[in-house]
PDB file of all heavy atoms in Angstrom:
ATOM      1  N   THR A   1      27.833 -25.293   0.665  1.00  0.00           N
ATOM      2  CA  THR A   1      29.094 -25.725   1.257  1.00  0.00           C
ATOM      3  C   THR A   1      29.165 -27.248   1.278  1.00  0.00           C
ATOM      4  O   THR A   1      28.142 -27.942   1.244  1.00  0.00           O
ATOM      5  CB  THR A   1      29.239 -25.185   2.686  1.00  0.00           C
ATOM      6  OG1 THR A   1      28.101 -25.592   3.464  1.00  0.00           O
ATOM      7  CG2 THR A   1      29.315 -23.663   2.686  1.00  0.00           C
ATOM      8  N   GLY A   2      30.388 -27.761   1.362  1.00  0.00           N
ATOM      9  CA  GLY A   2      30.596 -29.193   1.373  1.00  0.00           C
ATOM     10  C   GLY A   2      30.665 -29.750   2.781  1.00  0.00           C
ATOM     11  O   GLY A   2      30.462 -29.040   3.777  1.00  0.00           O
ATOM     12  N   SER A   3      30.969 -31.036   2.882  1.00  0.00           N
ATOM     13  CA  SER A   3      31.050 -31.681   4.189  1.00  0.00           C
ATOM     14  C   SER A   3      32.302 -31.277   4.944  1.00  0.00           C
ATOM     15  O   SER A   3      32.337 -31.279   6.171  1.00  0.00           O
ATOM     16  CB  SER A   3      31.019 -33.206   4.024  1.00  0.00           C
ATOM     17  OG  SER A   3      32.074 -33.631   3.160  1.00  0.00           O
ATOM     18  N   SER A   4      33.344 -30.908   4.205  1.00  0.00           N
ATOM     19  CA  SER A   4      34.587 -30.452   4.818  1.00  0.00           C
ATOM     20  C   SER A   4      34.705 -28.944   4.638  1.00  0.00           C
ATOM     21  O   SER A   4      34.313 -28.406   3.592  1.00  0.00           O
ATOM     22  CB  SER A   4      35.784 -31.148   4.167  1.00  0.00           C
ATOM     23  OG  SER A   4      37.007 -30.567   4.612  1.00  0.00           O
ATOM     24  N   PRO A   5      35.246 -28.222   5.644  1.00  0.00           N
ATOM     25  CA  PRO A   5      35.348 -26.758   5.523  1.00  0.00           C
ATOM     26  C   PRO A   5      36.135 -26.292   4.308  1.00  0.00           C
ATOM     27  O   PRO A   5      35.891 -25.199   3.794  1.00  0.00           O
ATOM     28  CB  PRO A   5      36.050 -26.351   6.825  1.00  0.00           C
ATOM     29  CG  PRO A   5      35.716 -27.427   7.793  1.00  0.00           C
ATOM     30  CD  PRO A   5      35.656 -28.681   6.983  1.00  0.00           C
ATOM     31  N   THR A   6      37.086 -27.108   3.842  1.00  0.00           N
ATOM     32  CA  THR A   6      37.909 -26.689   2.704  1.00  0.00           C
ATOM     33  C   THR A   6      37.341 -27.136   1.363  1.00  0.00           C
ATOM     34  O   THR A   6      37.937 -26.864   0.324  1.00  0.00           O
ATOM     35  CB  THR A   6      39.343 -27.223   2.863  1.00  0.00           C
ATOM     36  OG1 THR A   6      39.300 -28.647   3.013  1.00  0.00           O
ATOM     37  CG2 THR A   6      40.025 -26.596   4.069  1.00  0.00           C
ATOM     38  N   ASP A   7      36.203 -27.839   1.374  1.00  0.00           N
ATOM     39  CA  ASP A   7      35.576 -28.225   0.105  1.00  0.00           C
ATOM     40  C   ASP A   7      35.210 -26.980  -0.693  1.00  0.00           C
ATOM     41  O   ASP A   7      34.704 -25.996  -0.146  1.00  0.00           O
ATOM     42  CB  ASP A   7      34.308 -29.051   0.350  1.00  0.00           C
ATOM     43  CG  ASP A   7      34.623 -30.465   0.817  1.00  0.00           C
ATOM     44  OD1 ASP A   7      35.795 -30.869   0.712  1.00  0.00           O
ATOM     45  OD2 ASP A   7      33.702 -31.145   1.293  1.00  0.00           O
ATOM     46  N   HIS A   8      35.424 -27.062  -1.991  1.00  0.00           N
ATOM     47  CA  HIS A   8      35.102 -25.912  -2.847  1.00  0.00           C
ATOM     48  C   HIS A   8      33.592 -25.704  -2.873  1.00  0.00           C
ATOM     49  O   HIS A   8      32.850 -26.631  -3.197  1.00  0.00           O
ATOM     50  CB  HIS A   8      35.628 -26.147  -4.255  1.00  0.00           C
ATOM     51  CG  HIS A   8      35.612 -24.926  -5.111  1.00  0.00           C
ATOM     52  ND1 HIS A   8      36.625 -23.985  -5.099  1.00  0.00           N
ATOM     53  CD2 HIS A   8      34.702 -24.467  -5.992  1.00  0.00           C
ATOM     54  CE1 HIS A   8      36.331 -23.019  -5.948  1.00  0.00           C
ATOM     55  NE2 HIS A   8      35.168 -23.293  -6.502  1.00  0.00           N
ATOM     56  N   PRO A   9      33.096 -24.532  -2.524  1.00  0.00           N
ATOM     57  CA  PRO A   9      31.638 -24.307  -2.520  1.00  0.00           C
ATOM     58  C   PRO A   9      31.054 -24.402  -3.923  1.00  0.00           C
ATOM     59  O   PRO A   9      31.696 -24.032  -4.908  1.00  0.00           O
ATOM     60  CB  PRO A   9      31.510 -22.879  -1.957  1.00  0.00           C
ATOM     61  CG  PRO A   9      32.816 -22.591  -1.288  1.00  0.00           C
ATOM     62  CD  PRO A   9      33.839 -23.354  -2.057  1.00  0.00           C
ATOM     63  N   GLY A  10      29.831 -24.894  -3.990  1.00  0.00           N
ATOM     64  CA  GLY A  10      29.142 -24.965  -5.275  1.00  0.00           C
ATOM     65  C   GLY A  10      28.343 -23.690  -5.515  1.00  0.00           C
ATOM     66  O   GLY A  10      27.530 -23.292  -4.683  1.00  0.00           O
ATOM     67  N   TYR A  11      28.578 -23.060  -6.636  1.00  0.00           N
ATOM     68  CA  TYR A  11      27.885 -21.800  -6.934  1.00  0.00           C
ATOM     69  C   TYR A  11      26.471 -22.076  -7.395  1.00  0.00           C
ATOM     70  O   TYR A  11      26.228 -22.872  -8.307  1.00  0.00           O
ATOM     71  CB  TYR A  11      28.644 -21.027  -8.012  1.00  0.00           C
ATOM     72  CG  TYR A  11      28.002 -19.707  -8.378  1.00  0.00           C
ATOM     73  CD1 TYR A  11      27.778 -18.733  -7.413  1.00  0.00           C
ATOM     74  CD2 TYR A  11      27.621 -19.438  -9.696  1.00  0.00           C
ATOM     75  CE1 TYR A  11      27.196 -17.524  -7.742  1.00  0.00           C
ATOM     76  CE2 TYR A  11      27.052 -18.228 -10.035  1.00  0.00           C
ATOM     77  CZ  TYR A  11      26.833 -17.275  -9.054  1.00  0.00           C
ATOM     78  OH  TYR A  11      26.247 -16.069  -9.386  1.00  0.00           O
ATOM     79  N   VAL A  12      25.503 -21.433  -6.750  1.00  0.00           N
ATOM     80  CA  VAL A  12      24.087 -21.585  -7.078  1.00  0.00           C
ATOM     81  C   VAL A  12      23.618 -20.454  -7.984  1.00  0.00           C
ATOM     82  O   VAL A  12      22.970 -20.667  -9.012  1.00  0.00           O
ATOM     83  CB  VAL A  12      23.231 -21.630  -5.801  1.00  0.00           C
ATOM     84  CG1 VAL A  12      21.750 -21.695  -6.142  1.00  0.00           C
ATOM     85  CG2 VAL A  12      23.643 -22.820  -4.932  1.00  0.00           C
ATOM     86  N   GLY A  13      23.942 -19.221  -7.604  1.00  0.00           N
ATOM     87  CA  GLY A  13      23.505 -18.066  -8.374  1.00  0.00           C
ATOM     88  C   GLY A  13      23.588 -16.811  -7.527  1.00  0.00           C
ATOM     89  O   GLY A  13      24.115 -16.823  -6.414  1.00  0.00           O
ATOM     90  N   SER A  14      23.069 -15.729  -8.039  1.00  0.00           N
ATOM     91  CA  SER A  14      23.111 -14.452  -7.317  1.00  0.00           C
ATOM     92  C   SER A  14      21.730 -13.820  -7.334  1.00  0.00           C
ATOM     93  O   SER A  14      20.888 -14.148  -8.170  1.00  0.00           O
ATOM     94  CB  SER A  14      24.131 -13.503  -7.953  1.00  0.00           C
ATOM     95  OG  SER A  14      23.763 -13.200  -9.289  1.00  0.00           O
ATOM     96  N   PHE A  15      21.514 -12.922  -6.392  1.00  0.00           N
ATOM     97  CA  PHE A  15      20.255 -12.180  -6.384  1.00  0.00           C
ATOM     98  C   PHE A  15      20.540 -10.720  -6.093  1.00  0.00           C
ATOM     99  O   PHE A  15      21.502 -10.369  -5.423  1.00  0.00           O
ATOM    100  CB  PHE A  15      19.248 -12.764  -5.395  1.00  0.00           C
ATOM    101  CG  PHE A  15      19.711 -12.852  -3.957  1.00  0.00           C
ATOM    102  CD1 PHE A  15      19.446 -11.833  -3.057  1.00  0.00           C
ATOM    103  CD2 PHE A  15      20.377 -13.975  -3.501  1.00  0.00           C
ATOM    104  CE1 PHE A  15      19.850 -11.922  -1.729  1.00  0.00           C
ATOM    105  CE2 PHE A  15      20.779 -14.078  -2.180  1.00  0.00           C
ATOM    106  CZ  PHE A  15      20.523 -13.043  -1.292  1.00  0.00           C
ATOM    107  N   GLY A  16      19.665  -9.872  -6.615  1.00  0.00           N
ATOM    108  CA  GLY A  16      19.874  -8.428  -6.524  1.00  0.00           C
ATOM    109  C   GLY A  16      20.573  -7.900  -7.763  1.00  0.00           C
ATOM    110  O   GLY A  16      21.137  -8.655  -8.564  1.00  0.00           O
ATOM    111  N   ASP A  17      20.520  -6.591  -7.913  1.00  0.00           N
ATOM    112  CA  ASP A  17      21.159  -5.916  -9.042  1.00  0.00           C
ATOM    113  C   ASP A  17      21.299  -4.452  -8.657  1.00  0.00           C
ATOM    114  O   ASP A  17      20.705  -3.994  -7.674  1.00  0.00           O
ATOM    115  CB  ASP A  17      20.310  -6.069 -10.298  1.00  0.00           C
ATOM    116  CG  ASP A  17      21.083  -5.764 -11.569  1.00  0.00           C
ATOM    117  OD1 ASP A  17      22.292  -5.452 -11.459  1.00  0.00           O
ATOM    118  OD2 ASP A  17      20.499  -5.830 -12.669  1.00  0.00           O
ATOM    119  N   GLU A  18      22.075  -3.706  -9.402  1.00  0.00           N
ATOM    120  CA  GLU A  18      22.287  -2.300  -9.059  1.00  0.00           C
ATOM    121  C   GLU A  18      21.024  -1.491  -9.327  1.00  0.00           C
ATOM    122  O   GLU A  18      20.393  -1.617 -10.372  1.00  0.00           O
ATOM    123  CB  GLU A  18      23.449  -1.723  -9.857  1.00  0.00           C
ATOM    124  CG  GLU A  18      23.774  -0.290  -9.481  1.00  0.00           C
ATOM    125  CD  GLU A  18      24.977   0.264 -10.217  1.00  0.00           C
ATOM    126  OE1 GLU A  18      25.490  -0.423 -11.138  1.00  0.00           O
ATOM    127  OE2 GLU A  18      25.419   1.387  -9.882  1.00  0.00           O
ATOM    128  N   GLY A  19      20.647  -0.669  -8.349  1.00  0.00           N
ATOM    129  CA  GLY A  19      19.487   0.184  -8.540  1.00  0.00           C
ATOM    130  C   GLY A  19      18.886   0.615  -7.223  1.00  0.00           C
ATOM    131  O   GLY A  19      19.431   0.343  -6.143  1.00  0.00           O
ATOM    132  N   HIS A  20      17.751   1.293  -7.311  1.00  0.00           N
ATOM    133  CA  HIS A  20      17.082   1.842  -6.124  1.00  0.00           C
ATOM    134  C   HIS A  20      15.714   1.221  -5.870  1.00  0.00           C
ATOM    135  O   HIS A  20      15.120   1.472  -4.830  1.00  0.00           O
ATOM    136  CB  HIS A  20      16.933   3.362  -6.281  1.00  0.00           C
ATOM    137  CG  HIS A  20      18.232   4.066  -6.586  1.00  0.00           C
ATOM    138  ND1 HIS A  20      19.227   4.204  -5.652  1.00  0.00           N
ATOM    139  CD2 HIS A  20      18.696   4.650  -7.725  1.00  0.00           C
ATOM    140  CE1 HIS A  20      20.256   4.869  -6.194  1.00  0.00           C
ATOM    141  NE2 HIS A  20      19.953   5.129  -7.454  1.00  0.00           N
ATOM    142  N   ASP A  21      15.223   0.424  -6.792  1.00  0.00           N
ATOM    143  CA  ASP A  21      13.908  -0.186  -6.617  1.00  0.00           C
ATOM    144  C   ASP A  21      13.974  -1.334  -5.615  1.00  0.00           C
ATOM    145  O   ASP A  21      15.047  -1.770  -5.202  1.00  0.00           O
ATOM    146  CB  ASP A  21      13.380  -0.694  -7.956  1.00  0.00           C
ATOM    147  CG  ASP A  21      13.178   0.412  -8.980  1.00  0.00           C
ATOM    148  OD1 ASP A  21      12.946   1.569  -8.545  1.00  0.00           O
ATOM    149  OD2 ASP A  21      13.269   0.131 -10.186  1.00  0.00           O
ATOM    150  N   ASP A  22      12.808  -1.846  -5.245  1.00  0.00           N
ATOM    151  CA  ASP A  22      12.760  -3.021  -4.383  1.00  0.00           C
ATOM    152  C   ASP A  22      13.519  -4.177  -5.024  1.00  0.00           C
ATOM    153  O   ASP A  22      13.384  -4.442  -6.226  1.00  0.00           O
ATOM    154  CB  ASP A  22      11.316  -3.451  -4.139  1.00  0.00           C
ATOM    155  CG  ASP A  22      10.547  -2.462  -3.271  1.00  0.00           C
ATOM    156  OD1 ASP A  22      11.196  -1.611  -2.624  1.00  0.00           O
ATOM    157  OD2 ASP A  22       9.303  -2.541  -3.246  1.00  0.00           O
ATOM    158  N   GLY A  23      14.309  -4.854  -4.201  1.00  0.00           N
ATOM    159  CA  GLY A  23      15.067  -5.988  -4.719  1.00  0.00           C
ATOM    160  C   GLY A  23      16.348  -5.616  -5.425  1.00  0.00           C
ATOM    161  O   GLY A  23      17.005  -6.482  -6.014  1.00  0.00           O
ATOM    162  N   LYS A  24      16.726  -4.346  -5.358  1.00  0.00           N
ATOM    163  CA  LYS A  24      17.996  -3.909  -5.939  1.00  0.00           C
ATOM    164  C   LYS A  24      18.858  -3.270  -4.850  1.00  0.00           C
ATOM    165  O   LYS A  24      18.359  -2.859  -3.809  1.00  0.00           O
ATOM    166  CB  LYS A  24      17.764  -2.946  -7.098  1.00  0.00           C
ATOM    167  CG  LYS A  24      17.042  -3.604  -8.272  1.00  0.00           C
ATOM    168  CD  LYS A  24      17.015  -2.709  -9.496  1.00  0.00           C
ATOM    169  CE  LYS A  24      16.378  -3.445 -10.676  1.00  0.00           C
ATOM    170  NZ  LYS A  24      16.380  -2.627 -11.904  1.00  0.00           N
ATOM    171  N   PHE A  25      20.172  -3.209  -5.116  1.00  0.00           N
ATOM    172  CA  PHE A  25      21.126  -2.696  -4.134  1.00  0.00           C
ATOM    173  C   PHE A  25      21.986  -1.603  -4.745  1.00  0.00           C
ATOM    174  O   PHE A  25      22.208  -1.563  -5.959  1.00  0.00           O
ATOM    175  CB  PHE A  25      22.068  -3.814  -3.653  1.00  0.00           C
ATOM    176  CG  PHE A  25      21.384  -5.020  -3.082  1.00  0.00           C
ATOM    177  CD1 PHE A  25      21.507  -6.262  -3.694  1.00  0.00           C
ATOM    178  CD2 PHE A  25      20.635  -4.930  -1.922  1.00  0.00           C
ATOM    179  CE1 PHE A  25      20.899  -7.392  -3.167  1.00  0.00           C
ATOM    180  CE2 PHE A  25      20.021  -6.056  -1.382  1.00  0.00           C
ATOM    181  CZ  PHE A  25      20.153  -7.282  -2.002  1.00  0.00           C
ATOM    182  N   THR A  26      22.492  -0.752  -3.853  1.00  0.00           N
ATOM    183  CA  THR A  26      23.521   0.201  -4.240  1.00  0.00           C
ATOM    184  C   THR A  26      24.606   0.153  -3.171  1.00  0.00           C
ATOM    185  O   THR A  26      24.432   0.629  -2.065  1.00  0.00           O
ATOM    186  CB  THR A  26      22.960   1.629  -4.371  1.00  0.00           C
ATOM    187  OG1 THR A  26      21.870   1.630  -5.293  1.00  0.00           O
ATOM    188  CG2 THR A  26      24.038   2.590  -4.852  1.00  0.00           C
ATOM    189  N   PHE A  27      25.699  -0.506  -3.509  1.00  0.00           N
ATOM    190  CA  PHE A  27      26.834  -0.745  -2.614  1.00  0.00           C
ATOM    191  C   PHE A  27      26.381  -1.373  -1.285  1.00  0.00           C
ATOM    192  O   PHE A  27      26.555  -0.801  -0.212  1.00  0.00           O
ATOM    193  CB  PHE A  27      27.613   0.546  -2.361  1.00  0.00           C
ATOM    194  CG  PHE A  27      28.291   1.082  -3.592  1.00  0.00           C
ATOM    195  CD1 PHE A  27      27.780   2.184  -4.270  1.00  0.00           C
ATOM    196  CD2 PHE A  27      29.421   0.455  -4.099  1.00  0.00           C
ATOM    197  CE1 PHE A  27      28.391   2.663  -5.419  1.00  0.00           C
ATOM    198  CE2 PHE A  27      30.039   0.932  -5.257  1.00  0.00           C
ATOM    199  CZ  PHE A  27      29.522   2.033  -5.921  1.00  0.00           C
ATOM    200  N   PRO A  28      25.815  -2.577  -1.363  1.00  0.00           N
ATOM    201  CA  PRO A  28      25.449  -3.285  -0.126  1.00  0.00           C
ATOM    202  C   PRO A  28      26.709  -3.658   0.649  1.00  0.00           C
ATOM    203  O   PRO A  28      27.805  -3.735   0.080  1.00  0.00           O
ATOM    204  CB  PRO A  28      24.722  -4.521  -0.649  1.00  0.00           C
ATOM    205  CG  PRO A  28      25.325  -4.765  -1.999  1.00  0.00           C
ATOM    206  CD  PRO A  28      25.592  -3.392  -2.568  1.00  0.00           C
ATOM    207  N   ASN A  29      26.558  -3.914   1.936  1.00  0.00           N
ATOM    208  CA  ASN A  29      27.741  -4.188   2.751  1.00  0.00           C
ATOM    209  C   ASN A  29      27.565  -5.421   3.655  1.00  0.00           C
ATOM    210  O   ASN A  29      28.059  -6.478   3.346  1.00  0.00           O
ATOM    211  CB  ASN A  29      28.108  -2.963   3.584  1.00  0.00           C
ATOM    212  CG  ASN A  29      29.551  -2.987   4.046  1.00  0.00           C
ATOM    213  OD1 ASN A  29      30.450  -2.640   3.271  1.00  0.00           O
ATOM    214  ND2 ASN A  29      29.809  -3.393   5.272  1.00  0.00           N
ATOM    215  N   GLY A  30      26.843  -5.284   4.769  1.00  0.00           N
ATOM    216  CA  GLY A  30      26.705  -6.389   5.700  1.00  0.00           C
ATOM    217  C   GLY A  30      25.557  -7.315   5.357  1.00  0.00           C
ATOM    218  O   GLY A  30      24.677  -6.981   4.552  1.00  0.00           O
ATOM    219  N   LEU A  31      25.557  -8.495   5.999  1.00  0.00           N
ATOM    220  CA  LEU A  31      24.531  -9.486   5.724  1.00  0.00           C
ATOM    221  C   LEU A  31      24.376 -10.403   6.934  1.00  0.00           C
ATOM    222  O   LEU A  31      25.342 -10.699   7.634  1.00  0.00           O
ATOM    223  CB  LEU A  31      24.911 -10.297   4.486  1.00  0.00           C
ATOM    224  CG  LEU A  31      24.006 -11.451   4.050  1.00  0.00           C
ATOM    225  CD1 LEU A  31      23.978 -11.538   2.519  1.00  0.00           C
ATOM    226  CD2 LEU A  31      24.519 -12.763   4.603  1.00  0.00           C
ATOM    227  N   ALA A  32      23.153 -10.847   7.183  1.00  0.00           N
ATOM    228  CA  ALA A  32      22.887 -11.795   8.271  1.00  0.00           C
ATOM    229  C   ALA A  32      21.715 -12.678   7.874  1.00  0.00           C
ATOM    230  O   ALA A  32      20.890 -12.316   7.023  1.00  0.00           O
ATOM    231  CB  ALA A  32      22.574 -11.055   9.574  1.00  0.00           C
ATOM    232  N   THR A  33      21.628 -13.855   8.491  1.00  0.00           N
ATOM    233  CA  THR A  33      20.507 -14.775   8.261  1.00  0.00           C
ATOM    234  C   THR A  33      19.903 -15.189   9.594  1.00  0.00           C
ATOM    235  O   THR A  33      20.532 -15.074  10.638  1.00  0.00           O
ATOM    236  CB  THR A  33      20.978 -16.042   7.515  1.00  0.00           C
ATOM    237  OG1 THR A  33      21.942 -16.734   8.316  1.00  0.00           O
ATOM    238  CG2 THR A  33      21.594 -15.675   6.176  1.00  0.00           C
ATOM    239  N   ASP A  34      18.669 -15.671   9.546  1.00  0.00           N
ATOM    240  CA  ASP A  34      18.049 -16.222  10.753  1.00  0.00           C
ATOM    241  C   ASP A  34      17.582 -17.649  10.471  1.00  0.00           C
ATOM    242  O   ASP A  34      17.822 -18.186   9.378  1.00  0.00           O
ATOM    243  CB  ASP A  34      16.910 -15.341  11.263  1.00  0.00           C
ATOM    244  CG  ASP A  34      15.721 -15.263  10.292  1.00  0.00           C
ATOM    245  OD1 ASP A  34      15.653 -16.100   9.355  1.00  0.00           O
ATOM    246  OD2 ASP A  34      14.865 -14.386  10.466  1.00  0.00           O
ATOM    247  N   THR A  35      16.934 -18.267  11.432  1.00  0.00           N
ATOM    248  CA  THR A  35      16.516 -19.658  11.285  1.00  0.00           C
ATOM    249  C   THR A  35      15.171 -19.793  10.571  1.00  0.00           C
ATOM    250  O   THR A  35      14.660 -20.907  10.436  1.00  0.00           O
ATOM    251  CB  THR A  35      16.430 -20.332  12.662  1.00  0.00           C
ATOM    252  OG1 THR A  35      15.523 -19.594  13.498  1.00  0.00           O
ATOM    253  CG2 THR A  35      17.794 -20.373  13.324  1.00  0.00           C
TER     254      THR A  35
END
């Protein structure tokens, strides 16, 4: 994110892919982070 809330975010990349193995998702939904 930028210094201003309306600044266009810079895309870094993505993680995960469709599947059932570790590190893969099937229709993920919610997300949270911690410190």
